Amino acid sequence: MTQNYKPAYPPEFRQQMVELVALGKCPKQLSKEFGCHYTSIQTWCRAAGVPIRSSQAIAFAATSSVASLSANERQELLELRKKLKRVE
């Protein structure tokens, strides 16, 4: 009987994924790019003590650094993102 499982990823590959997440990359984007499951990347990051930021948090950080938003604009943006998350 043959076993249908994927061999373990090499330690160098896992370390590279952890380092990319530490630099701000999203695990889901990395999983699409490198062909591994995003929960594997999350598990490796947790084991290494690297916090995982959501793609929305990354997008918000990029938006915040590009343009300064007023308090009202920031609140509106957060509310719209919450609505969008519910729709998705």
PDB file of N, CA and C in Angstrom:
ATOM      1  N   MET A   1       0.840  -1.170   0.000  1.00  0.00           N
ATOM      2  CA  MET A   1       0.000   0.000   0.000  1.00  0.00           C
ATOM      3  C   MET A   1       0.895   1.246   0.000  1.00  0.00           C
ATOM      4  N   THR A   2       0.633   2.184  -0.889  1.00  0.00           N
ATOM      5  CA  THR A   2       1.430   3.403  -0.947  1.00  0.00           C
ATOM      6  C   THR A   2       0.849   4.455  -0.018  1.00  0.00           C
ATOM      7  N   GLN A   3       1.742   5.223   0.546  1.00  0.00           N
ATOM      8  CA  GLN A   3       1.315   6.305   1.435  1.00  0.00           C
ATOM      9  C   GLN A   3       1.273   7.595   0.636  1.00  0.00           C
ATOM     10  N   ASN A   4       0.208   8.349   0.833  1.00  0.00           N
ATOM     11  CA  ASN A   4       0.050   9.625   0.134  1.00  0.00           C
ATOM     12  C   ASN A   4       0.303  10.772   1.099  1.00  0.00           C
ATOM     13  N   TYR A   5       1.558  11.089   1.301  1.00  0.00           N
ATOM     14  CA  TYR A   5       1.888  12.240   2.124  1.00  0.00           C
ATOM     15  C   TYR A   5       3.073  12.944   1.504  1.00  0.00           C
ATOM     16  N   LYS A   6       3.155  14.214   1.813  1.00  0.00           N
ATOM     17  CA  LYS A   6       4.232  15.029   1.274  1.00  0.00           C
ATOM     18  C   LYS A   6       5.398  14.988   2.261  1.00  0.00           C
ATOM     19  N   PRO A   7       6.623  14.797   1.780  1.00  0.00           N
ATOM     20  CA  PRO A   7       7.763  14.779   2.700  1.00  0.00           C
ATOM     21  C   PRO A   7       7.933  16.134   3.395  1.00  0.00           C
ATOM     22  N   ALA A   8       8.561  16.109   4.534  1.00  0.00           N
ATOM     23  CA  ALA A   8       8.760  17.333   5.319  1.00  0.00           C
ATOM     24  C   ALA A   8       9.569  18.349   4.524  1.00  0.00           C
ATOM     25  N   TYR A   9       9.253  19.611   4.757  1.00  0.00           N
ATOM     26  CA  TYR A   9      10.011  20.683   4.108  1.00  0.00           C
ATOM     27  C   TYR A   9      11.394  20.774   4.751  1.00  0.00           C
ATOM     28  N   PRO A  10      12.404  21.096   3.973  1.00  0.00           N
ATOM     29  CA  PRO A  10      13.748  21.224   4.545  1.00  0.00           C
ATOM     30  C   PRO A  10      13.806  22.373   5.564  1.00  0.00           C
ATOM     31  N   PRO A  11      14.646  22.240   6.580  1.00  0.00           N
ATOM     32  CA  PRO A  11      14.755  23.297   7.600  1.00  0.00           C
ATOM     33  C   PRO A  11      15.102  24.662   7.008  1.00  0.00           C
ATOM     34  N   GLU A  12      15.912  24.673   5.948  1.00  0.00           N
ATOM     35  CA  GLU A  12      16.284  25.955   5.320  1.00  0.00           C
ATOM     36  C   GLU A  12      15.063  26.649   4.720  1.00  0.00           C
ATOM     37  N   PHE A  13      14.173  25.853   4.121  1.00  0.00           N
ATOM     38  CA  PHE A  13      12.953  26.396   3.533  1.00  0.00           C
ATOM     39  C   PHE A  13      12.061  26.972   4.622  1.00  0.00           C
ATOM     40  N   ARG A  14      11.898  26.217   5.698  1.00  0.00           N
ATOM     41  CA  ARG A  14      11.067  26.692   6.822  1.00  0.00           C
ATOM     42  C   ARG A  14      11.615  27.992   7.391  1.00  0.00           C
ATOM     43  N   GLN A  15      12.929  28.040   7.567  1.00  0.00           N
ATOM     44  CA  GLN A  15      13.562  29.247   8.119  1.00  0.00           C
ATOM     45  C   GLN A  15      13.359  30.442   7.188  1.00  0.00           C
ATOM     46  N   GLN A  16      13.437  30.208   5.884  1.00  0.00           N
ATOM     47  CA  GLN A  16      13.225  31.283   4.921  1.00  0.00           C
ATOM     48  C   GLN A  16      11.801  31.834   5.034  1.00  0.00           C
ATOM     49  N   MET A  17      10.818  30.940   5.177  1.00  0.00           N
ATOM     50  CA  MET A  17       9.429  31.379   5.310  1.00  0.00           C
ATOM     51  C   MET A  17       9.239  32.208   6.578  1.00  0.00           C
ATOM     52  N   VAL A  18       9.840  31.757   7.679  1.00  0.00           N
ATOM     53  CA  VAL A  18       9.745  32.478   8.951  1.00  0.00           C
ATOM     54  C   VAL A  18      10.370  33.862   8.814  1.00  0.00           C
ATOM     55  N   GLU A  19      11.512  33.935   8.162  1.00  0.00           N
ATOM     56  CA  GLU A  19      12.177  35.232   7.983  1.00  0.00           C
ATOM     57  C   GLU A  19      11.345  36.179   7.120  1.00  0.00           C
ATOM     58  N   LEU A  20      10.709  35.645   6.081  1.00  0.00           N
ATOM     59  CA  LEU A  20       9.864  36.488   5.229  1.00  0.00           C
ATOM     60  C   LEU A  20       8.650  37.010   5.988  1.00  0.00           C
ATOM     61  N   VAL A  21       8.059  36.177   6.835  1.00  0.00           N
ATOM     62  CA  VAL A  21       6.929  36.626   7.650  1.00  0.00           C
ATOM     63  C   VAL A  21       7.403  37.696   8.637  1.00  0.00           C
ATOM     64  N   ALA A  22       8.580  37.499   9.206  1.00  0.00           N
ATOM     65  CA  ALA A  22       9.129  38.487  10.139  1.00  0.00           C
ATOM     66  C   ALA A  22       9.344  39.833   9.452  1.00  0.00           C
ATOM     67  N   LEU A  23       9.605  39.801   8.149  1.00  0.00           N
ATOM     68  CA  LEU A  23       9.792  41.037   7.384  1.00  0.00           C
ATOM     69  C   LEU A  23       8.470  41.676   6.970  1.00  0.00           C
ATOM     70  N   GLY A  24       7.345  40.992   7.277  1.00  0.00           N
ATOM     71  CA  GLY A  24       6.041  41.578   7.006  1.00  0.00           C
ATOM     72  C   GLY A  24       5.242  40.913   5.907  1.00  0.00           C
ATOM     73  N   LYS A  25       5.741  39.826   5.345  1.00  0.00           N
ATOM     74  CA  LYS A  25       4.992  39.120   4.300  1.00  0.00           C
ATOM     75  C   LYS A  25       3.833  38.343   4.915  1.00  0.00           C
ATOM     76  N   CYS A  26       2.767  38.194   4.149  1.00  0.00           N
ATOM     77  CA  CYS A  26       1.585  37.466   4.593  1.00  0.00           C
ATOM     78  C   CYS A  26       1.757  35.972   4.315  1.00  0.00           C
ATOM     79  N   PRO A  27       1.496  35.100   5.301  1.00  0.00           N
ATOM     80  CA  PRO A  27       1.628  33.653   5.080  1.00  0.00           C
ATOM     81  C   PRO A  27       0.799  33.127   3.908  1.00  0.00           C
ATOM     82  N   LYS A  28      -0.381  33.678   3.694  1.00  0.00           N
ATOM     83  CA  LYS A  28      -1.215  33.211   2.579  1.00  0.00           C
ATOM     84  C   LYS A  28      -0.584  33.557   1.237  1.00  0.00           C
ATOM     85  N   GLN A  29       0.004  34.735   1.131  1.00  0.00           N
ATOM     86  CA  GLN A  29       0.678  35.114  -0.110  1.00  0.00           C
ATOM     87  C   GLN A  29       1.900  34.229  -0.340  1.00  0.00           C
ATOM     88  N   LEU A  30       2.645  33.977   0.726  1.00  0.00           N
ATOM     89  CA  LEU A  30       3.827  33.122   0.609  1.00  0.00           C
ATOM     90  C   LEU A  30       3.440  31.699   0.212  1.00  0.00           C
ATOM     91  N   SER A  31       2.324  31.209   0.753  1.00  0.00           N
ATOM     92  CA  SER A  31       1.903  29.847   0.422  1.00  0.00           C
ATOM     93  C   SER A  31       1.574  29.726  -1.060  1.00  0.00           C
ATOM     94  N   LYS A  32       0.952  30.748  -1.627  1.00  0.00           N
ATOM     95  CA  LYS A  32       0.648  30.725  -3.057  1.00  0.00           C
ATOM     96  C   LYS A  32       1.926  30.803  -3.885  1.00  0.00           C
ATOM     97  N   GLU A  33       2.841  31.626  -3.439  1.00  0.00           N
ATOM     98  CA  GLU A  33       4.085  31.844  -4.183  1.00  0.00           C
ATOM     99  C   GLU A  33       5.009  30.626  -4.149  1.00  0.00           C
ATOM    100  N   PHE A  34       5.095  29.962  -2.977  1.00  0.00           N
ATOM    101  CA  PHE A  34       6.056  28.876  -2.813  1.00  0.00           C
ATOM    102  C   PHE A  34       5.428  27.478  -2.808  1.00  0.00           C
ATOM    103  N   GLY A  35       4.101  27.389  -2.864  1.00  0.00           N
ATOM    104  CA  GLY A  35       3.448  26.100  -3.001  1.00  0.00           C
ATOM    105  C   GLY A  35       3.360  25.252  -1.748  1.00  0.00           C
ATOM    106  N   CYS A  36       3.308  25.880  -0.594  1.00  0.00           N
ATOM    107  CA  CYS A  36       3.088  25.125   0.641  1.00  0.00           C
ATOM    108  C   CYS A  36       1.841  25.688   1.321  1.00  0.00           C
ATOM    109  N   HIS A  37       1.292  24.974   2.269  1.00  0.00           N
ATOM    110  CA  HIS A  37       0.058  25.414   2.919  1.00  0.00           C
ATOM    111  C   HIS A  37       0.355  26.520   3.924  1.00  0.00           C
ATOM    112  N   TYR A  38      -0.540  27.505   3.981  1.00  0.00           N
ATOM    113  CA  TYR A  38      -0.287  28.640   4.860  1.00  0.00           C
ATOM    114  C   TYR A  38      -0.297  28.257   6.343  1.00  0.00           C
ATOM    115  N   THR A  39      -1.034  27.205   6.708  1.00  0.00           N
ATOM    116  CA  THR A  39      -1.017  26.804   8.119  1.00  0.00           C
ATOM    117  C   THR A  39       0.348  26.227   8.515  1.00  0.00           C
ATOM    118  N   SER A  40       1.053  25.652   7.548  1.00  0.00           N
ATOM    119  CA  SER A  40       2.419  25.192   7.834  1.00  0.00           C
ATOM    120  C   SER A  40       3.303  26.378   8.185  1.00  0.00           C
ATOM    121  N   ILE A  41       3.183  27.436   7.392  1.00  0.00           N
ATOM    122  CA  ILE A  41       3.986  28.644   7.644  1.00  0.00           C
ATOM    123  C   ILE A  41       3.625  29.234   9.005  1.00  0.00           C
ATOM    124  N   GLN A  42       2.336  29.276   9.322  1.00  0.00           N
ATOM    125  CA  GLN A  42       1.908  29.803  10.624  1.00  0.00           C
ATOM    126  C   GLN A  42       2.489  28.970  11.763  1.00  0.00           C
ATOM    127  N   THR A  43       2.479  27.654  11.606  1.00  0.00           N
ATOM    128  CA  THR A  43       3.020  26.764  12.633  1.00  0.00           C
ATOM    129  C   THR A  43       4.510  27.011  12.836  1.00  0.00           C
ATOM    130  N   TRP A  44       5.255  27.157  11.741  1.00  0.00           N
ATOM    131  CA  TRP A  44       6.689  27.409  11.844  1.00  0.00           C
ATOM    132  C   TRP A  44       6.965  28.746  12.528  1.00  0.00           C
ATOM    133  N   CYS A  45       6.144  29.746  12.215  1.00  0.00           N
ATOM    134  CA  CYS A  45       6.321  31.072  12.819  1.00  0.00           C
ATOM    135  C   CYS A  45       6.031  31.038  14.318  1.00  0.00           C
ATOM    136  N   ARG A  46       4.957  30.349  14.694  1.00  0.00           N
ATOM    137  CA  ARG A  46       4.640  30.231  16.122  1.00  0.00           C
ATOM    138  C   ARG A  46       5.772  29.542  16.869  1.00  0.00           C
ATOM    139  N   ALA A  47       6.304  28.477  16.272  1.00  0.00           N
ATOM    140  CA  ALA A  47       7.401  27.734  16.908  1.00  0.00           C
ATOM    141  C   ALA A  47       8.644  28.612  17.060  1.00  0.00           C
ATOM    142  N   ALA A  48       8.842  29.535  16.116  1.00  0.00           N
ATOM    143  CA  ALA A  48      10.005  30.417  16.159  1.00  0.00           C
ATOM    144  C   ALA A  48       9.737  31.688  16.968  1.00  0.00           C
ATOM    145  N   GLY A  49       8.484  31.872  17.408  1.00  0.00           N
ATOM    146  CA  GLY A  49       8.142  33.058  18.194  1.00  0.00           C
ATOM    147  C   GLY A  49       7.983  34.311  17.349  1.00  0.00           C
ATOM    148  N   VAL A  50       7.696  34.138  16.059  1.00  0.00           N
ATOM    149  CA  VAL A  50       7.522  35.277  15.153  1.00  0.00           C
ATOM    150  C   VAL A  50       6.031  35.591  15.052  1.00  0.00           C
ATOM    151  N   PRO A  51       5.636  36.827  15.374  1.00  0.00           N
ATOM    152  CA  PRO A  51       4.214  37.183  15.280  1.00  0.00           C
ATOM    153  C   PRO A  51       3.759  37.225  13.819  1.00  0.00           C
ATOM    154  N   ILE A  52       2.521  36.837  13.607  1.00  0.00           N
ATOM    155  CA  ILE A  52       1.945  36.815  12.266  1.00  0.00           C
ATOM    156  C   ILE A  52       0.940  37.950  12.164  1.00  0.00           C
ATOM    157  N   ARG A  53       1.187  38.818  11.196  1.00  0.00           N
ATOM    158  CA  ARG A  53       0.255  39.917  10.957  1.00  0.00           C
ATOM    159  C   ARG A  53      -0.659  39.542   9.815  1.00  0.00           C
ATOM    160  N   SER A  54      -1.923  39.928   9.933  1.00  0.00           N
ATOM    161  CA  SER A  54      -2.879  39.635   8.864  1.00  0.00           C
ATOM    162  C   SER A  54      -2.581  40.509   7.656  1.00  0.00           C
ATOM    163  N   SER A  55      -3.113  40.130   6.508  1.00  0.00           N
ATOM    164  CA  SER A  55      -2.901  40.917   5.296  1.00  0.00           C
ATOM    165  C   SER A  55      -3.533  42.300   5.450  1.00  0.00           C
ATOM    166  N   GLN A  56      -4.628  42.405   6.205  1.00  0.00           N
ATOM    167  CA  GLN A  56      -5.251  43.707   6.431  1.00  0.00           C
ATOM    168  C   GLN A  56      -4.354  44.590   7.284  1.00  0.00           C
ATOM    169  N   ALA A  57      -3.707  44.008   8.286  1.00  0.00           N
ATOM    170  CA  ALA A  57      -2.806  44.797   9.131  1.00  0.00           C
ATOM    171  C   ALA A  57      -1.614  45.280   8.322  1.00  0.00           C
ATOM    172  N   ILE A  58      -1.125  44.437   7.418  1.00  0.00           N
ATOM    173  CA  ILE A  58      -0.013  44.818   6.568  1.00  0.00           C
ATOM    174  C   ILE A  58      -0.446  45.941   5.623  1.00  0.00           C
ATOM    175  N   ALA A  59      -1.635  45.799   5.047  1.00  0.00           N
ATOM    176  CA  ALA A  59      -2.151  46.834   4.142  1.00  0.00           C
ATOM    177  C   ALA A  59      -2.375  48.139   4.892  1.00  0.00           C
ATOM    178  N   PHE A  60      -2.885  48.049   6.119  1.00  0.00           N
ATOM    179  CA  PHE A  60      -3.111  49.250   6.911  1.00  0.00           C
ATOM    180  C   PHE A  60      -1.795  49.931   7.250  1.00  0.00           C
ATOM    181  N   ALA A  61      -0.777  49.152   7.589  1.00  0.00           N
ATOM    182  CA  ALA A  61       0.533  49.727   7.892  1.00  0.00           C
ATOM    183  C   ALA A  61       1.104  50.428   6.666  1.00  0.00           C
ATOM    184  N   ALA A  62       0.926  49.837   5.493  1.00  0.00           N
ATOM    185  CA  ALA A  62       1.416  50.455   4.261  1.00  0.00           C
ATOM    186  C   ALA A  62       0.653  51.739   3.975  1.00  0.00           C
ATOM    187  N   THR A  63      -0.667  51.718   4.183  1.00  0.00           N
ATOM    188  CA  THR A  63      -1.479  52.906   3.960  1.00  0.00           C
ATOM    189  C   THR A  63      -1.101  54.010   4.934  1.00  0.00           C
ATOM    190  N   SER A  64      -0.864  53.648   6.174  1.00  0.00           N
ATOM    191  CA  SER A  64      -0.533  54.632   7.189  1.00  0.00           C
ATOM    192  C   SER A  64       0.796  55.313   6.902  1.00  0.00           C
ATOM    193  N   SER A  65       1.747  54.558   6.383  1.00  0.00           N
ATOM    194  CA  SER A  65       3.055  55.144   6.141  1.00  0.00           C
ATOM    195  C   SER A  65       3.069  56.008   4.891  1.00  0.00           C
ATOM    196  N   VAL A  66       2.156  55.728   3.937  1.00  0.00           N
ATOM    197  CA  VAL A  66       2.134  56.493   2.696  1.00  0.00           C
ATOM    198  C   VAL A  66       1.457  57.838   2.897  1.00  0.00           C
ATOM    199  N   ALA A  67       0.335  57.836   3.534  1.00  0.00           N
ATOM    200  CA  ALA A  67      -0.416  59.077   3.693  1.00  0.00           C
ATOM    201  C   ALA A  67      -0.926  59.181   5.123  1.00  0.00           C
ATOM    202  N   SER A  68      -0.823  60.341   5.655  1.00  0.00           N
ATOM    203  CA  SER A  68      -1.308  60.592   6.999  1.00  0.00           C
ATOM    204  C   SER A  68      -2.821  60.788   6.955  1.00  0.00           C
ATOM    205  N   LEU A  69      -3.552  60.014   7.757  1.00  0.00           N
ATOM    206  CA  LEU A  69      -5.007  60.085   7.786  1.00  0.00           C
ATOM    207  C   LEU A  69      -5.476  60.830   9.028  1.00  0.00           C
ATOM    208  N   SER A  70      -6.587  61.544   8.874  1.00  0.00           N
ATOM    209  CA  SER A  70      -7.185  62.176  10.040  1.00  0.00           C
ATOM    210  C   SER A  70      -7.852  61.104  10.886  1.00  0.00           C
ATOM    211  N   ALA A  71      -8.215  61.441  12.096  1.00  0.00           N
ATOM    212  CA  ALA A  71      -8.854  60.472  12.987  1.00  0.00           C
ATOM    213  C   ALA A  71     -10.169  59.971  12.387  1.00  0.00           C
ATOM    214  N   ASN A  72     -10.944  60.870  11.784  1.00  0.00           N
ATOM    215  CA  ASN A  72     -12.221  60.477  11.164  1.00  0.00           C
ATOM    216  C   ASN A  72     -11.994  59.551   9.971  1.00  0.00           C
ATOM    217  N   GLU A  73     -10.985  59.868   9.150  1.00  0.00           N
ATOM    218  CA  GLU A  73     -10.673  59.016   7.995  1.00  0.00           C
ATOM    219  C   GLU A  73     -10.209  57.635   8.439  1.00  0.00           C
ATOM    220  N   ARG A  74      -9.405  57.596   9.471  1.00  0.00           N
ATOM    221  CA  ARG A  74      -8.902  56.332   9.993  1.00  0.00           C
ATOM    222  C   ARG A  74     -10.049  55.470  10.512  1.00  0.00           C
ATOM    223  N   GLN A  75     -10.986  56.098  11.246  1.00  0.00           N
ATOM    224  CA  GLN A  75     -12.135  55.380  11.776  1.00  0.00           C
ATOM    225  C   GLN A  75     -13.008  54.856  10.645  1.00  0.00           C
ATOM    226  N   GLU A  76     -13.239  55.682   9.631  1.00  0.00           N
ATOM    227  CA  GLU A  76     -14.039  55.258   8.483  1.00  0.00           C
ATOM    228  C   GLU A  76     -13.371  54.091   7.751  1.00  0.00           C
ATOM    229  N   LEU A  77     -12.071  54.167   7.585  1.00  0.00           N
ATOM    230  CA  LEU A  77     -11.330  53.088   6.930  1.00  0.00           C
ATOM    231  C   LEU A  77     -11.461  51.778   7.706  1.00  0.00           C
ATOM    232  N   LEU A  78     -11.343  51.843   9.017  1.00  0.00           N
ATOM    233  CA  LEU A  78     -11.479  50.643   9.839  1.00  0.00           C
ATOM    234  C   LEU A  78     -12.879  50.045   9.731  1.00  0.00           C
ATOM    235  N   GLU A  79     -13.890  50.895   9.736  1.00  0.00           N
ATOM    236  CA  GLU A  79     -15.274  50.412   9.612  1.00  0.00           C
ATOM    237  C   GLU A  79     -15.518  49.763   8.251  1.00  0.00           C
ATOM    238  N   LEU A  80     -14.982  50.369   7.199  1.00  0.00           N
ATOM    239  CA  LEU A  80     -15.149  49.797   5.859  1.00  0.00           C
ATOM    240  C   LEU A  80     -14.434  48.457   5.735  1.00  0.00           C
ATOM    241  N   ARG A  81     -13.281  48.335   6.337  1.00  0.00           N
ATOM    242  CA  ARG A  81     -12.553  47.061   6.301  1.00  0.00           C
ATOM    243  C   ARG A  81     -13.316  45.972   7.051  1.00  0.00           C
ATOM    244  N   LYS A  82     -13.942  46.346   8.175  1.00  0.00           N
ATOM    245  CA  LYS A  82     -14.749  45.372   8.916  1.00  0.00           C
ATOM    246  C   LYS A  82     -15.930  44.907   8.075  1.00  0.00           C
ATOM    247  N   LYS A  83     -16.590  45.848   7.371  1.00  0.00           N
ATOM    248  CA  LYS A  83     -17.716  45.488   6.514  1.00  0.00           C
ATOM    249  C   LYS A  83     -17.251  44.583   5.379  1.00  0.00           C
ATOM    250  N   LEU A  84     -16.124  44.905   4.791  1.00  0.00           N
ATOM    251  CA  LEU A  84     -15.582  44.099   3.696  1.00  0.00           C
ATOM    252  C   LEU A  84     -15.257  42.693   4.169  1.00  0.00           C
ATOM    253  N   LYS A  85     -14.719  42.576   5.373  1.00  0.00           N
ATOM    254  CA  LYS A  85     -14.387  41.255   5.908  1.00  0.00           C
ATOM    255  C   LYS A  85     -15.643  40.407   6.087  1.00  0.00           C
ATOM    256  N   ARG A  86     -16.736  41.031   6.500  1.00  0.00           N
ATOM    257  CA  ARG A  86     -17.988  40.305   6.666  1.00  0.00           C
ATOM    258  C   ARG A  86     -18.539  39.831   5.325  1.00  0.00           C
ATOM    259  N   VAL A  87     -18.343  40.619   4.278  1.00  0.00           N
ATOM    260  CA  VAL A  87     -18.837  40.281   2.948  1.00  0.00           C
ATOM    261  C   VAL A  87     -18.028  39.130   2.348  1.00  0.00           C
ATOM    262  N   GLU A  88     -16.729  39.140   2.564  1.00  0.00           N
ATOM    263  CA  GLU A  88     -15.863  38.097   2.011  1.00  0.00           C
ATOM    264  C   GLU A  88     -16.171  36.824   2.695  1.00  0.00           C
TER     265      GLU A  88
END
